[in-house]
Amino acid sequence: MVLVFKTSVTKDYEVALLTPHLNTLTHGNGNWNFDLEDCDNILRIESVSLEVWDVIPVLEKFQFFCEELEDMIVWKA
């Protein structure tokens, strides 16, 4: 499962600050990444066991906004 979040993380040093905490959360497997070039500063986490409520408090602890982006279906005509 891939969890996708909109965040307020915008800088590499902010990612570095969060890295040890996200690594702990994902048991050190490193299956997470930020897309700071996306307008929503996306955080993606691949996990079979994590839930949204496991991730959001980690970012909020450091005063970052974090909100799950739910699946959206795009219909093409």
N, C-alpha and C. Protein backbone atom coordinates (compact mmCIF):
# COMPACT_ATOMS: atom_id res chain seq x y z
N MET A 1 0.84 -1.16 0.00
CA MET A 1 0.00 0.00 0.00
C MET A 1 0.89 1.24 0.00
N VAL A 2 0.45 2.27 -0.72
CA VAL A 2 1.19 3.53 -0.75
C VAL A 2 0.32 4.59 -0.11
N LEU A 3 0.86 5.23 0.92
CA LEU A 3 0.19 6.36 1.56
C LEU A 3 0.75 7.63 0.94
N VAL A 4 -0.14 8.58 0.63
CA VAL A 4 0.28 9.82 -0.02
C VAL A 4 -0.26 10.99 0.79
N PHE A 5 0.63 11.95 1.07
CA PHE A 5 0.28 13.09 1.91
C PHE A 5 0.69 14.40 1.25
N LYS A 6 -0.14 15.40 1.44
CA LYS A 6 0.20 16.79 1.14
C LYS A 6 0.87 17.33 2.39
N THR A 7 2.01 18.03 2.23
CA THR A 7 2.73 18.52 3.41
C THR A 7 3.17 19.97 3.21
N SER A 8 3.69 20.54 4.29
CA SER A 8 4.28 21.87 4.22
C SER A 8 5.81 21.81 4.22
N VAL A 9 6.36 20.63 4.03
CA VAL A 9 7.82 20.46 3.96
C VAL A 9 8.29 20.99 2.61
N THR A 10 9.21 21.95 2.62
CA THR A 10 9.63 22.58 1.36
C THR A 10 11.14 22.57 1.13
N LYS A 11 11.90 22.27 2.14
CA LYS A 11 13.36 22.38 2.04
C LYS A 11 14.04 21.05 2.33
N ASP A 12 15.22 20.88 1.73
CA ASP A 12 15.99 19.66 1.96
C ASP A 12 16.37 19.49 3.43
N TYR A 13 16.69 20.60 4.11
CA TYR A 13 17.07 20.47 5.51
C TYR A 13 15.89 20.03 6.37
N GLU A 14 14.66 20.33 5.94
CA GLU A 14 13.49 19.86 6.66
C GLU A 14 13.32 18.35 6.47
N VAL A 15 13.58 17.89 5.26
CA VAL A 15 13.56 16.44 5.00
C VAL A 15 14.62 15.76 5.86
N ALA A 16 15.80 16.36 5.95
CA ALA A 16 16.88 15.79 6.77
C ALA A 16 16.46 15.72 8.24
N LEU A 17 15.74 16.72 8.71
CA LEU A 17 15.25 16.73 10.09
C LEU A 17 14.28 15.57 10.33
N LEU A 18 13.45 15.29 9.35
CA LEU A 18 12.43 14.24 9.48
C LEU A 18 12.95 12.84 9.19
N THR A 19 14.07 12.74 8.48
CA THR A 19 14.59 11.45 8.03
C THR A 19 14.70 10.40 9.13
N PRO A 20 15.35 10.69 10.26
CA PRO A 20 15.46 9.62 11.27
C PRO A 20 14.10 9.17 11.81
N HIS A 21 13.16 10.08 11.88
CA HIS A 21 11.84 9.75 12.41
C HIS A 21 11.03 8.93 11.41
N LEU A 22 11.14 9.28 10.14
CA LEU A 22 10.45 8.50 9.11
C LEU A 22 11.11 7.13 8.93
N ASN A 23 12.43 7.08 9.08
CA ASN A 23 13.11 5.78 9.01
C ASN A 23 12.68 4.88 10.16
N THR A 24 12.54 5.44 11.35
CA THR A 24 12.06 4.66 12.49
C THR A 24 10.64 4.18 12.24
N LEU A 25 9.82 5.06 11.73
CA LEU A 25 8.43 4.72 11.45
C LEU A 25 8.31 3.59 10.44
N THR A 26 9.20 3.59 9.45
CA THR A 26 9.18 2.58 8.39
C THR A 26 10.17 1.44 8.68
N HIS A 27 10.63 1.36 9.92
CA HIS A 27 11.55 0.31 10.36
C HIS A 27 12.85 0.29 9.56
N GLY A 28 13.30 1.49 9.17
CA GLY A 28 14.59 1.63 8.51
C GLY A 28 14.67 1.13 7.08
N ASN A 29 13.53 0.79 6.48
CA ASN A 29 13.61 0.27 5.12
C ASN A 29 13.66 1.37 4.07
N GLY A 30 13.45 2.63 4.46
CA GLY A 30 13.60 3.75 3.54
C GLY A 30 12.59 3.81 2.42
N ASN A 31 11.45 3.18 2.58
CA ASN A 31 10.44 3.21 1.52
C ASN A 31 9.54 4.43 1.64
N TRP A 32 10.15 5.59 1.67
CA TRP A 32 9.42 6.84 1.71
C TRP A 32 10.21 7.89 0.92
N ASN A 33 9.52 8.90 0.43
CA ASN A 33 10.20 10.00 -0.25
C ASN A 33 9.30 11.22 -0.32
N PHE A 34 9.94 12.37 -0.43
CA PHE A 34 9.25 13.64 -0.63
C PHE A 34 9.43 14.06 -2.08
N ASP A 35 8.41 14.66 -2.65
CA ASP A 35 8.51 15.32 -3.94
C ASP A 35 8.32 16.80 -3.69
N LEU A 36 9.45 17.49 -3.45
CA LEU A 36 9.40 18.91 -3.12
C LEU A 36 9.16 19.78 -4.34
N GLU A 37 9.22 19.21 -5.53
CA GLU A 37 8.92 19.97 -6.74
C GLU A 37 7.43 19.99 -7.04
N ASP A 38 6.67 19.10 -6.43
CA ASP A 38 5.23 19.09 -6.58
C ASP A 38 4.64 20.24 -5.76
N CYS A 39 3.57 20.85 -6.25
CA CYS A 39 2.96 21.99 -5.55
C CYS A 39 2.43 21.61 -4.18
N ASP A 40 2.18 20.33 -3.94
CA ASP A 40 1.68 19.87 -2.64
C ASP A 40 2.77 19.28 -1.76
N ASN A 41 4.02 19.35 -2.19
CA ASN A 41 5.16 18.83 -1.41
C ASN A 41 4.83 17.43 -0.87
N ILE A 42 4.63 16.53 -1.80
CA ILE A 42 4.10 15.20 -1.54
C ILE A 42 5.08 14.33 -0.75
N LEU A 43 4.54 13.64 0.24
CA LEU A 43 5.25 12.58 0.95
C LEU A 43 4.57 11.27 0.57
N ARG A 44 5.34 10.32 0.04
CA ARG A 44 4.84 8.99 -0.29
C ARG A 44 5.53 7.98 0.61
N ILE A 45 4.74 7.08 1.16
CA ILE A 45 5.30 6.03 2.01
C ILE A 45 4.72 4.69 1.56
N GLU A 46 5.61 3.74 1.25
CA GLU A 46 5.18 2.38 0.93
C GLU A 46 5.26 1.55 2.20
N SER A 47 4.13 0.93 2.56
CA SER A 47 4.10 0.13 3.77
C SER A 47 2.91 -0.82 3.74
N VAL A 48 3.09 -1.97 4.35
CA VAL A 48 1.97 -2.90 4.48
C VAL A 48 1.29 -2.75 5.83
N SER A 49 1.91 -2.04 6.76
CA SER A 49 1.36 -1.98 8.11
C SER A 49 1.02 -0.58 8.61
N LEU A 50 1.59 0.47 8.01
CA LEU A 50 1.33 1.83 8.51
C LEU A 50 -0.05 2.31 8.12
N GLU A 51 -0.59 3.15 8.97
CA GLU A 51 -1.86 3.81 8.72
C GLU A 51 -1.63 5.32 8.72
N VAL A 52 -2.58 6.05 8.20
CA VAL A 52 -2.49 7.51 8.13
C VAL A 52 -2.19 8.09 9.50
N TRP A 53 -2.89 7.61 10.52
CA TRP A 53 -2.73 8.18 11.86
C TRP A 53 -1.38 7.84 12.49
N ASP A 54 -0.60 6.98 11.87
CA ASP A 54 0.77 6.72 12.33
C ASP A 54 1.73 7.80 11.82
N VAL A 55 1.42 8.36 10.67
CA VAL A 55 2.34 9.26 9.98
C VAL A 55 2.12 10.72 10.35
N ILE A 56 0.89 11.16 10.32
CA ILE A 56 0.58 12.59 10.52
C ILE A 56 1.18 13.15 11.80
N PRO A 57 1.07 12.48 12.95
CA PRO A 57 1.66 13.03 14.18
C PRO A 57 3.17 13.23 14.12
N VAL A 58 3.86 12.43 13.33
CA VAL A 58 5.32 12.58 13.21
C VAL A 58 5.65 13.94 12.61
N LEU A 59 4.95 14.32 11.55
CA LEU A 59 5.21 15.62 10.94
C LEU A 59 4.68 16.77 11.80
N GLU A 60 3.52 16.57 12.40
CA GLU A 60 2.94 17.62 13.23
C GLU A 60 3.80 17.91 14.46
N LYS A 61 4.52 16.91 14.95
CA LYS A 61 5.42 17.11 16.09
C LYS A 61 6.45 18.20 15.78
N PHE A 62 6.82 18.34 14.50
CA PHE A 62 7.79 19.35 14.08
C PHE A 62 7.12 20.55 13.42
N GLN A 63 5.82 20.71 13.68
CA GLN A 63 5.04 21.85 13.21
C GLN A 63 4.84 21.89 11.70
N PHE A 64 4.88 20.73 11.04
CA PHE A 64 4.59 20.66 9.61
C PHE A 64 3.14 20.26 9.40
N PHE A 65 2.53 20.84 8.39
CA PHE A 65 1.19 20.44 7.97
C PHE A 65 1.32 19.10 7.24
N CYS A 66 0.38 18.21 7.48
CA CYS A 66 0.38 16.90 6.81
C CYS A 66 -1.05 16.42 6.71
N GLU A 67 -1.47 16.15 5.47
CA GLU A 67 -2.85 15.73 5.23
C GLU A 67 -2.84 14.64 4.18
N GLU A 68 -3.60 13.59 4.43
CA GLU A 68 -3.68 12.49 3.46
C GLU A 68 -4.34 12.97 2.18
N LEU A 69 -3.77 12.58 1.05
CA LEU A 69 -4.42 12.79 -0.24
C LEU A 69 -5.11 11.49 -0.59
N GLU A 70 -6.39 11.54 -0.65
CA GLU A 70 -7.14 10.33 -0.94
C GLU A 70 -7.15 10.06 -2.42
N ASP A 71 -7.39 8.80 -2.76
CA ASP A 71 -7.44 8.40 -4.16
C ASP A 71 -8.48 9.22 -4.91
N MET A 72 -8.08 9.64 -6.09
CA MET A 72 -9.00 10.37 -6.94
C MET A 72 -9.08 9.66 -8.28
N ILE A 73 -10.25 9.55 -8.80
CA ILE A 73 -10.44 8.93 -10.11
C ILE A 73 -10.65 10.04 -11.12
N VAL A 74 -9.85 10.02 -12.17
CA VAL A 74 -9.98 11.00 -13.23
C VAL A 74 -10.68 10.32 -14.39
N TRP A 75 -11.81 10.86 -14.77
CA TRP A 75 -12.60 10.31 -15.87
C TRP A 75 -12.22 11.01 -17.14
N LYS A 76 -11.93 10.24 -18.17
CA LYS A 76 -11.61 10.82 -19.48
C LYS A 76 -12.77 10.55 -20.41
N ALA A 77 -13.14 11.56 -21.18
CA ALA A 77 -14.25 11.41 -22.12
C ALA A 77 -13.79 10.73 -23.40
